[in-house]
Amino acid sequence: MALGAVTGVLALTAHAAPASAAPALPVRDTLPSGLTFEDCPALPAGADPTWWNCNVAVIAGGRLQIGKIDQTIDKPLRLTYAIGYDPETLEQKMIAVPLKGDPVRVTGGILGVPGTDVLPVLQVNAKPELAADPEFNVDAGTLLRLKLKVGVQNPLVGDQCTIGTKDDPITLNLTIGTTSPPPPNQPISGSPPVDVSSDPLVFKLKLVDNAFAVPKSSGCGPAGLFNGIVDWRAGLPAKAGTNTVVFDQYLASKAYTDLPA
């Protein structure tokens, strides 16, 4: 079942049958921290909450490899978004909020050598951010399209340094199927959704992409003075077929009528 289809099924299921209508299945997996509904966005004026779901996707593990940076995902990253339907036209609408999660410490820091980043000035943290709203079920192979920029945090580069921008993002075409990347990468496969809890309704799935390109950095230091250093450290730009993401994701959903007032 496609991720976009999952979100639609969740919305319709929650509207048609509240969680209390059937006995809850036991939780069959350890759910990650951060799988909460605290960031559900406010609905548009006049929206009927019975036709809206709040969905929470937590990336609880996996791998993020861009250029020369290869990180295990060991801190949860949460995407919260609302999906609703016009009861007359059945037109679907979505409201997304910013990604939420702690910055990830980049192993090796500025020099890229493990153990050399003991001083704060040599440490680097990375924080993925949305560059555009997520897109679901884009085509037969792309179940989730994320356009990202990665904030680079270091005392020297300031607070505007990013890999990717709103106009030139890192575009991930994520699939639960098998990728078809250009060389040198080889195909990798994700995993389809499996329900692991019914109260709240939670699916577990694996999303992958290793066919995307990564642009150069920008905004690093005064007038971009340190862009070159960031690009050297990260191996940017990195052409398609040399980067990989694997997201072990949990997707939870509740109807807005079931959320606390």
Protein backbone atom coordinates (compact mmCIF):
# COMPACT_ATOMS: atom_id res chain seq x y z
CA MET A 1 0.00 0.00 0.00
CA ALA A 2 1.42 3.39 -0.96
CA LEU A 3 2.16 5.97 1.71
CA GLY A 4 -0.24 8.39 0.07
CA ALA A 5 -2.85 5.67 0.09
CA VAL A 6 -2.10 5.01 3.75
CA THR A 7 -2.80 8.62 4.66
CA GLY A 8 -6.07 8.52 2.75
CA VAL A 9 -7.11 5.26 4.38
CA LEU A 10 -6.26 6.67 7.79
CA ALA A 11 -8.37 9.75 7.20
CA LEU A 12 -11.38 7.83 5.91
CA THR A 13 -11.10 5.16 8.60
CA ALA A 14 -10.94 7.71 11.38
CA HIS A 15 -13.98 9.52 9.94
CA ALA A 16 -16.03 6.36 9.48
CA ALA A 17 -15.12 4.46 12.65
CA PRO A 18 -13.67 6.04 15.80
CA ALA A 19 -11.00 4.12 17.67
CA SER A 20 -13.54 3.25 20.39
CA ALA A 21 -15.72 1.40 17.86
CA ALA A 22 -13.46 -1.66 17.86
CA PRO A 23 -11.18 -3.29 20.44
CA ALA A 24 -7.63 -1.97 20.27
CA LEU A 25 -4.99 -4.34 18.96
CA PRO A 26 -1.93 -4.76 21.17
CA VAL A 27 1.08 -2.64 20.27
CA ARG A 28 3.38 -4.99 18.36
CA ASP A 29 6.48 -2.79 18.28
CA THR A 30 8.28 -0.35 20.52
CA LEU A 31 6.96 3.03 19.42
CA PRO A 32 9.54 5.83 19.20
CA SER A 33 9.62 8.88 21.40
CA GLY A 34 8.10 11.91 19.74
CA LEU A 35 5.13 10.03 18.31
CA THR A 36 2.73 12.58 19.80
CA PHE A 37 0.04 14.90 18.47
CA GLU A 38 1.17 18.06 20.26
CA ASP A 39 2.08 19.88 17.02
CA CYS A 40 -1.15 19.28 15.09
CA PRO A 41 -1.78 22.50 13.13
CA ALA A 42 -4.84 24.66 13.57
CA LEU A 43 -7.49 24.01 10.93
CA PRO A 44 -8.62 26.70 8.47
CA ALA A 45 -11.52 28.87 9.51
CA GLY A 46 -14.80 27.07 8.85
CA ALA A 47 -13.21 23.63 8.37
CA ASP A 48 -15.27 20.70 9.66
CA PRO A 49 -12.94 18.74 12.02
CA THR A 50 -14.81 15.50 11.37
CA TRP A 51 -13.24 15.50 7.89
CA TRP A 52 -9.68 16.14 9.06
CA ASN A 53 -6.92 13.89 10.39
CA CYS A 54 -3.69 14.83 12.13
CA ASN A 55 -0.82 12.63 10.96
CA VAL A 56 2.54 12.31 12.70
CA ALA A 57 5.50 10.73 10.91
CA VAL A 58 8.56 10.02 13.05
CA ILE A 59 11.81 9.00 11.40
CA ALA A 60 13.21 6.88 14.23
CA GLY A 61 16.30 5.44 12.55
CA GLY A 62 18.08 4.79 9.30
CA ARG A 63 20.86 6.49 7.41
CA LEU A 64 21.57 9.89 5.88
CA GLN A 65 24.51 9.95 3.48
CA ILE A 66 25.16 13.06 1.40
CA GLY A 67 28.50 13.46 -0.29
CA LYS A 68 31.24 12.54 2.18
CA ILE A 69 28.97 12.79 5.23
CA ASP A 70 27.49 9.46 6.28
CA GLN A 71 25.39 9.54 9.45
CA THR A 72 23.31 6.99 11.28
CA ILE A 73 19.99 8.52 12.28
CA ASP A 74 19.91 8.14 16.06
CA LYS A 75 17.63 11.03 17.02
CA PRO A 76 13.94 11.08 16.06
CA LEU A 77 12.79 13.57 13.46
CA ARG A 78 9.07 14.40 13.44
CA LEU A 79 6.87 15.64 10.61
CA THR A 80 3.33 16.63 11.60
CA TYR A 81 0.70 17.42 8.99
CA ALA A 82 -3.06 17.62 8.69
CA ILE A 83 -5.03 16.12 5.81
CA GLY A 84 -8.64 17.04 5.25
CA TYR A 85 -11.40 16.70 2.70
CA ASP A 86 -14.14 19.00 1.52
CA PRO A 87 -17.28 16.93 2.30
CA GLU A 88 -18.99 18.14 -0.89
CA THR A 89 -16.17 17.98 -3.46
CA LEU A 90 -13.86 15.50 -1.64
CA GLU A 91 -10.99 17.81 -2.58
CA GLN A 92 -8.00 16.97 -0.39
CA LYS A 93 -6.09 19.68 1.46
CA MET A 94 -2.93 19.49 3.56
CA ILE A 95 -1.31 21.66 6.21
CA ALA A 96 2.28 20.86 7.25
CA VAL A 97 4.31 22.23 10.14
CA PRO A 98 8.13 22.47 10.27
CA LEU A 99 10.19 19.38 10.93
CA LYS A 100 10.96 18.95 14.61
CA GLY A 101 14.06 17.28 16.00
CA ASP A 102 17.40 17.89 17.62
CA PRO A 103 20.46 18.65 15.47
CA VAL A 104 22.63 15.64 14.63
CA ARG A 105 26.32 15.78 15.56
CA VAL A 106 28.39 15.13 12.43
CA THR A 107 31.08 12.56 13.14
CA GLY A 108 34.56 14.02 12.67
CA GLY A 109 33.42 17.63 12.68
CA ILE A 110 35.03 20.12 10.30
CA LEU A 111 38.09 17.98 9.60
CA GLY A 112 36.14 14.80 9.00
CA VAL A 113 38.44 12.81 11.27
CA PRO A 114 36.79 11.03 14.21
CA GLY A 115 38.11 12.29 17.53
CA THR A 116 39.28 15.68 16.23
CA ASP A 117 36.04 17.49 17.10
CA VAL A 118 36.60 17.87 20.82
CA LEU A 119 36.66 21.67 20.59
CA PRO A 120 33.36 23.46 19.86
CA VAL A 121 34.93 25.39 16.97
CA LEU A 122 35.65 22.08 15.22
CA GLN A 123 32.21 20.57 15.84
CA VAL A 124 29.49 20.46 13.21
CA ASN A 125 25.80 19.77 13.72
CA ALA A 126 23.26 19.21 10.96
CA LYS A 127 19.52 19.80 11.10
CA PRO A 128 17.18 18.87 8.21
CA GLU A 129 14.44 21.41 7.44
CA LEU A 130 11.55 21.45 4.98
CA ALA A 131 12.15 23.64 1.92
CA ALA A 132 8.58 23.03 0.67
CA ASP A 133 5.45 21.16 1.71
CA PRO A 134 5.70 17.36 1.40
CA GLU A 135 4.02 15.70 -1.58
CA PHE A 136 2.36 12.30 -1.34
CA ASN A 137 1.88 9.59 -3.96
CA VAL A 138 3.57 11.70 -6.64
CA ASP A 139 3.79 8.84 -9.13
CA ALA A 140 3.86 5.05 -9.23
CA GLY A 141 7.30 4.92 -7.61
CA THR A 142 7.44 8.08 -5.51
CA LEU A 143 5.30 7.71 -2.41
CA LEU A 144 6.68 10.72 -0.57
CA ARG A 145 8.60 13.66 -2.03
CA LEU A 146 10.52 15.71 0.50
CA LYS A 147 12.32 18.89 -0.51
CA LEU A 148 14.88 19.60 2.17
CA LYS A 149 17.63 21.92 3.17
CA VAL A 150 20.11 20.90 5.84
CA GLY A 151 21.12 23.55 8.32
CA VAL A 152 24.85 23.45 9.12
CA GLN A 153 25.67 24.60 12.64
CA ASN A 154 29.16 25.67 13.67
CA PRO A 155 30.49 28.79 15.46
CA LEU A 156 32.28 29.97 12.31
CA VAL A 157 29.52 29.66 9.70
CA GLY A 158 26.71 31.57 11.43
CA ASP A 159 23.04 30.63 11.53
CA GLN A 160 22.19 30.92 7.80
CA CYS A 161 24.45 28.15 6.47
CA THR A 162 22.52 25.44 4.62
CA ILE A 163 23.05 22.64 2.15
CA GLY A 164 20.19 23.19 -0.26
CA THR A 165 17.83 26.15 -0.36
CA LYS A 166 14.16 26.81 -1.00
CA ASP A 167 14.98 27.43 -4.68
CA ASP A 168 17.53 24.60 -4.98
CA PRO A 169 16.58 21.95 -2.41
CA ILE A 170 17.69 18.40 -1.81
CA THR A 171 14.78 16.56 -3.43
CA LEU A 172 14.10 13.08 -2.08
CA ASN A 173 11.75 10.85 -4.05
CA LEU A 174 11.14 8.26 -1.38
CA THR A 175 9.78 4.80 -2.10
CA ILE A 176 8.85 1.63 -0.26
CA GLY A 177 9.80 -0.26 -3.42
CA THR A 178 13.18 -0.65 -5.12
CA THR A 179 15.23 2.28 -6.37
CA SER A 180 16.84 2.60 -9.79
CA PRO A 181 19.80 4.92 -9.24
CA PRO A 182 22.54 5.91 -11.66
CA PRO A 183 25.94 4.37 -10.88
CA PRO A 184 27.88 3.94 -8.74
CA ASN A 185 24.91 3.35 -6.39
CA GLN A 186 23.09 0.04 -6.64
CA PRO A 187 19.33 -0.53 -6.15
CA ILE A 188 18.07 -0.67 -2.59
CA SER A 189 14.59 -1.50 -1.31
CA GLY A 190 12.21 -0.10 1.25
CA SER A 191 9.44 -1.89 3.12
CA PRO A 192 5.65 -1.43 2.85
CA PRO A 193 3.54 -0.22 5.78
CA VAL A 194 2.75 -2.70 8.55
CA ASP A 195 0.27 -1.76 11.26
CA VAL A 196 1.86 -2.01 14.70
CA SER A 197 -0.85 -0.36 16.82
CA SER A 198 -4.54 0.48 16.51
CA ASP A 199 -4.89 3.01 19.35
CA PRO A 200 -3.47 5.23 18.12
CA LEU A 201 -3.37 3.85 14.60
CA VAL A 202 0.33 3.42 13.76
CA PHE A 203 2.07 2.03 10.68
CA LYS A 204 5.76 1.18 10.39
CA LEU A 205 7.52 1.40 7.02
CA LYS A 206 10.92 1.94 5.44
CA LEU A 207 11.40 4.69 2.84
CA VAL A 208 14.51 4.87 0.66
CA ASP A 209 16.10 6.94 -2.09
CA ASN A 210 19.62 6.77 -3.51
CA ALA A 211 19.12 8.49 -6.87
CA PHE A 212 19.12 12.13 -5.75
CA ALA A 213 21.69 14.89 -6.13
CA VAL A 214 22.87 17.32 -3.46
CA PRO A 215 23.70 20.96 -4.29
CA LYS A 216 26.45 23.15 -2.90
CA SER A 217 26.14 24.97 0.41
CA SER A 218 25.17 28.61 0.74
CA GLY A 219 25.06 31.32 3.39
CA CYS A 220 28.03 29.96 5.32
CA GLY A 221 29.81 32.82 7.04
CA PRO A 222 29.86 36.50 6.06
CA ALA A 223 28.97 36.80 2.35
CA GLY A 224 29.34 33.02 2.02
CA LEU A 225 33.02 33.16 2.95
CA PHE A 226 33.04 29.60 4.29
CA ASN A 227 30.90 27.96 1.60
CA GLY A 228 34.02 26.40 0.12
CA ILE A 229 35.07 24.87 3.43
CA VAL A 230 31.63 23.32 3.94
CA ASP A 231 31.61 22.01 0.36
CA TRP A 232 35.10 20.55 0.80
CA ARG A 233 34.15 18.83 4.05
CA ALA A 234 30.86 17.45 2.71
CA GLY A 235 32.04 16.64 -0.83
CA LEU A 236 29.57 18.97 -2.53
CA PRO A 237 28.00 19.19 -4.97
CA ALA A 238 27.31 15.46 -4.97
CA LYS A 239 25.85 14.09 -8.19
CA ALA A 240 22.88 11.73 -8.41
CA GLY A 241 23.84 8.16 -7.61
CA THR A 242 26.34 9.06 -4.88
CA ASN A 243 23.94 9.80 -2.01
CA THR A 244 21.58 7.65 0.06
CA VAL A 245 18.77 8.04 2.57
CA VAL A 246 17.06 5.25 4.49
CA PHE A 247 14.22 6.33 6.77
CA ASP A 248 12.77 3.89 9.31
CA GLN A 249 9.48 5.64 9.85
CA TYR A 250 6.42 5.34 12.06
CA LEU A 251 3.19 6.98 10.92
CA ALA A 252 0.40 7.68 13.42
CA SER A 253 -2.97 9.26 12.81
CA LYS A 254 -5.94 10.59 14.76
CA ALA A 255 -9.11 12.33 13.73
CA TYR A 256 -9.26 15.96 14.85
CA THR A 257 -12.43 15.08 16.76
CA ASP A 258 -10.35 12.67 18.89
CA LEU A 259 -7.67 15.21 19.79
CA PRO A 260 -7.71 16.96 23.19
CA ALA A 261 -9.57 20.26 23.12
